[in-house]
């Protein structure tokens, strides 16, 4: 019977951490991932909470100041304004002097703010509370479109950039071919068909 050495066991959380570092070496790609994940998770949690409030749950309640109901859209807008301002002063932008952790936090806050804001898209489109009415469906549609956009940037970003570069290259080559044919053509000769 041959004695074989066993590989040392690596805890699963370290494997996941190694995979994360491997696939998110580029900070921009990591920020897209975190923003996308935060967006979808925040949207799902927001919908669960609003459904439980609508159903009469005692666990959650509407937030009001001075008798005025404050929609979660307000908190989303404030978060987006804060993240926008933070990025204007280059907090977490991925530049050499900015913190990677700040970039991660800003990306998560961006996803959260976008989810809170777009979940009530129908309200700011119709300028009245239509969350539970038929017109409220517009919010779901916009969330799906924005989620697709954020996800396309994350999962398809490299591919889409490569396709764009190839399309530009083909266009340039074909344009050069057209220009050369025009230069070679003598006056009075019939056009190519």
Protein backbone atom coordinates (compact mmCIF):
# COMPACT_ATOMS: atom_id res chain seq x y z
CA UNK A 1 0.00 0.00 0.00
CA UNK A 2 1.53 3.29 -1.10
CA UNK A 3 1.42 6.22 1.25
CA UNK A 4 0.31 9.39 -0.45
CA UNK A 5 0.51 12.87 0.93
CA UNK A 6 -2.75 14.68 1.31
CA UNK A 7 -3.06 18.27 0.30
CA UNK A 8 -3.61 20.51 3.28
CA UNK A 9 -7.25 21.48 3.69
CA UNK A 10 -7.95 25.08 2.88
CA UNK A 11 -11.04 26.55 4.52
CA UNK A 12 -13.80 27.38 2.05
CA UNK A 13 -13.89 31.07 2.94
CA UNK A 14 -10.24 31.35 1.89
CA UNK A 15 -11.01 29.67 -1.42
CA UNK A 16 -13.84 32.11 -2.04
CA UNK A 17 -11.55 35.01 -1.10
CA UNK A 18 -8.90 33.76 -3.52
CA UNK A 19 -11.48 33.44 -6.30
CA UNK A 20 -12.77 36.93 -5.54
CA UNK A 21 -9.26 38.42 -5.75
CA UNK A 22 -8.61 36.47 -8.95
CA UNK A 23 -11.71 37.65 -10.79
CA UNK A 24 -11.81 41.18 -9.44
CA UNK A 25 -8.22 42.35 -9.85
CA UNK A 26 -9.53 45.37 -11.71
CA UNK A 27 -11.18 47.76 -9.21
CA UNK A 28 -13.63 49.11 -11.79
CA UNK A 29 -14.97 45.61 -12.42
CA UNK A 30 -15.23 45.00 -8.68
CA UNK A 31 -17.18 48.23 -8.19
CA UNK A 32 -19.60 47.21 -10.97
CA UNK A 33 -20.10 43.84 -9.29
CA UNK A 34 -20.73 45.38 -5.88
CA UNK A 35 -23.09 48.01 -7.28
CA UNK A 36 -25.02 45.38 -9.24
CA UNK A 37 -25.25 43.00 -6.28
CA UNK A 38 -26.24 45.82 -3.93
CA UNK A 39 -28.86 47.04 -6.41
CA UNK A 40 -30.62 43.68 -6.78
CA UNK A 41 -30.43 42.75 -3.08
CA UNK A 42 -31.63 46.22 -2.00
CA UNK A 43 -34.50 46.13 -4.48
CA UNK A 44 -35.62 42.70 -3.25
CA UNK A 45 -35.44 43.76 0.41
CA UNK A 46 -37.25 47.03 -0.33
CA UNK A 47 -40.05 45.17 -2.10
CA UNK A 48 -40.37 42.69 0.79
CA UNK A 49 -40.58 45.50 3.33
CA UNK A 50 -43.12 47.51 1.31
CA UNK A 51 -45.27 44.41 0.78
CA UNK A 52 -45.18 43.65 4.50
CA UNK A 53 -46.16 47.26 5.33
CA UNK A 54 -48.97 47.11 2.76
CA UNK A 55 -50.10 43.80 4.26
CA UNK A 56 -50.37 45.38 7.72
CA UNK A 57 -47.28 43.88 9.33
CA UNK A 58 -46.37 45.22 12.78
CA UNK A 59 -42.68 44.60 12.09
CA UNK A 60 -42.29 47.58 9.74
CA UNK A 61 -44.11 50.85 9.36
CA UNK A 62 -44.12 53.93 7.16
CA UNK A 63 -41.70 56.67 8.11
CA UNK A 64 -43.36 60.02 8.69
CA UNK A 65 -42.15 63.44 9.78
CA UNK A 66 -44.76 65.92 10.99
CA UNK A 67 -47.55 63.77 9.56
CA UNK A 68 -45.92 63.65 6.12
CA UNK A 69 -45.06 60.20 4.71
CA UNK A 70 -41.47 60.08 3.47
CA UNK A 71 -41.15 57.68 0.55
CA UNK A 72 -38.01 55.56 0.23
CA UNK A 73 -37.37 57.39 -3.02
CA UNK A 74 -36.18 60.35 -0.90
CA UNK A 75 -33.53 58.24 0.83
CA UNK A 76 -32.41 56.87 -2.54
CA UNK A 77 -32.01 60.34 -3.99
CA UNK A 78 -30.04 61.49 -0.94
CA UNK A 79 -27.74 58.46 -1.25
CA UNK A 80 -27.20 59.06 -4.97
CA UNK A 81 -26.43 62.73 -4.31
CA UNK A 82 -23.95 61.74 -1.59
CA UNK A 83 -22.23 59.15 -3.78
CA UNK A 84 -22.11 61.58 -6.70
CA UNK A 85 -20.53 64.23 -4.53
CA UNK A 86 -18.09 61.71 -3.10
CA UNK A 87 -17.03 60.71 -6.60
CA UNK A 88 -16.70 64.37 -7.60
CA UNK A 89 -14.14 64.83 -4.86
CA UNK A 90 -12.65 61.47 -5.91
CA UNK A 91 -13.55 59.32 -2.92
CA UNK A 92 -13.37 55.70 -4.00
CA UNK A 93 -12.93 56.38 -7.71
CA UNK A 94 -10.16 53.86 -8.18
CA UNK A 95 -7.53 56.51 -8.72
CA UNK A 96 -4.12 55.76 -7.22
CA UNK A 97 -4.62 58.02 -4.21
CA UNK A 98 -8.15 56.83 -3.35
CA UNK A 99 -8.99 54.03 -0.96
CA UNK A 100 -10.11 50.67 -2.33
CA UNK A 101 -12.40 50.21 0.68
CA UNK A 102 -13.99 53.62 0.05
CA UNK A 103 -14.57 52.57 -3.56
CA UNK A 104 -16.33 49.42 -2.40
CA UNK A 105 -18.50 51.35 0.05
CA UNK A 106 -19.39 53.95 -2.58
CA UNK A 107 -20.34 51.21 -5.07
CA UNK A 108 -22.61 49.49 -2.53
CA UNK A 109 -24.22 52.81 -1.58
CA UNK A 110 -24.74 53.61 -5.27
CA UNK A 111 -26.54 50.30 -5.82
CA UNK A 112 -28.67 50.86 -2.71
CA UNK A 113 -29.56 54.43 -3.71
CA UNK A 114 -30.43 53.39 -7.26
CA UNK A 115 -32.68 50.59 -5.99
CA UNK A 116 -34.53 52.84 -3.55
CA UNK A 117 -34.99 55.53 -6.20
CA UNK A 118 -36.01 53.34 -9.12
CA UNK A 119 -38.38 51.25 -7.00
CA UNK A 120 -40.56 54.35 -6.91
CA UNK A 121 -39.96 55.41 -10.51
CA UNK A 122 -43.72 55.36 -11.17
CA UNK A 123 -44.20 57.93 -8.40
CA UNK A 124 -41.84 60.46 -9.93
CA UNK A 125 -43.12 59.70 -13.42
CA UNK A 126 -46.79 60.25 -12.51
CA UNK A 127 -46.20 62.75 -9.67
CA UNK A 128 -48.58 60.80 -7.47
CA UNK A 129 -48.36 57.62 -5.41
CA UNK A 130 -49.24 54.78 -7.80
CA UNK A 131 -47.03 52.14 -6.14
CA UNK A 132 -49.89 49.66 -5.71
CA UNK A 133 -51.80 50.63 -8.84
CA UNK A 134 -51.41 49.46 -12.42
CA UNK A 135 -49.14 52.40 -13.29
CA UNK A 136 -46.76 51.20 -10.55
CA UNK A 137 -45.63 48.48 -12.93
CA UNK A 138 -43.43 51.10 -14.62
CA UNK A 139 -41.11 50.89 -11.60
CA UNK A 140 -40.55 47.17 -12.14
CA UNK A 141 -39.85 47.73 -15.84
CA UNK A 142 -37.29 50.47 -15.13
CA UNK A 143 -35.61 48.36 -12.43
CA UNK A 144 -35.28 45.50 -14.91
CA UNK A 145 -33.79 47.79 -17.56
CA UNK A 146 -31.36 49.47 -15.17
CA UNK A 147 -30.41 46.11 -13.66
CA UNK A 148 -29.68 44.80 -17.15
CA UNK A 149 -27.54 47.86 -17.88
CA UNK A 150 -25.52 47.52 -14.67
CA UNK A 151 -25.15 43.79 -15.22
CA UNK A 152 -24.14 44.18 -18.86
CA UNK A 153 -21.37 46.50 -17.76
CA UNK A 154 -20.24 43.91 -15.25
CA UNK A 155 -20.53 40.64 -17.09
CA UNK A 156 -20.31 41.80 -20.66
CA UNK A 157 -18.05 44.81 -20.33
CA UNK A 158 -14.89 43.22 -21.69
CA UNK A 159 -16.81 41.46 -24.44
CA UNK A 160 -18.75 44.57 -25.47
CA UNK A 161 -15.57 46.67 -25.55
CA UNK A 162 -13.88 44.00 -27.70
CA UNK A 163 -16.87 43.90 -30.08
CA UNK A 164 -16.82 47.70 -30.32
CA UNK A 165 -13.08 47.75 -31.11
CA UNK A 166 -13.56 45.07 -33.76
CA UNK A 167 -16.49 46.93 -35.33
CA UNK A 168 -14.43 50.13 -35.47
CA UNK A 169 -11.51 48.21 -37.02
CA UNK A 170 -13.77 46.62 -39.68
CA UNK A 171 -15.38 49.98 -40.42
CA UNK A 172 -11.98 51.62 -40.86
CA UNK A 173 -10.75 48.83 -43.14
CA UNK A 174 -13.88 48.94 -45.27
CA UNK A 175 -13.76 52.74 -45.43
CA UNK A 176 -10.13 52.57 -46.58
CA UNK A 177 -11.15 50.05 -49.27
CA UNK A 178 -13.91 52.37 -50.52
CA UNK A 179 -11.50 55.31 -50.61
CA UNK A 180 -8.88 53.32 -52.52
CA UNK A 181 -11.42 52.18 -55.13
CA UNK A 182 -12.50 55.76 -55.65
CA UNK A 183 -8.90 56.87 -56.10
CA UNK A 184 -8.16 54.12 -58.64
CA UNK A 185 -11.23 54.86 -60.73
CA UNK A 186 -10.51 57.03 -63.74
CA UNK A 187 -12.86 59.78 -64.74
CA UNK A 188 -15.48 58.53 -67.17
CA UNK A 189 -15.32 54.85 -66.07
CA UNK A 190 -18.51 53.15 -64.87
CA UNK A 191 -19.00 52.72 -61.12
CA UNK A 192 -18.48 49.36 -59.42
CA UNK A 193 -21.67 47.46 -58.84
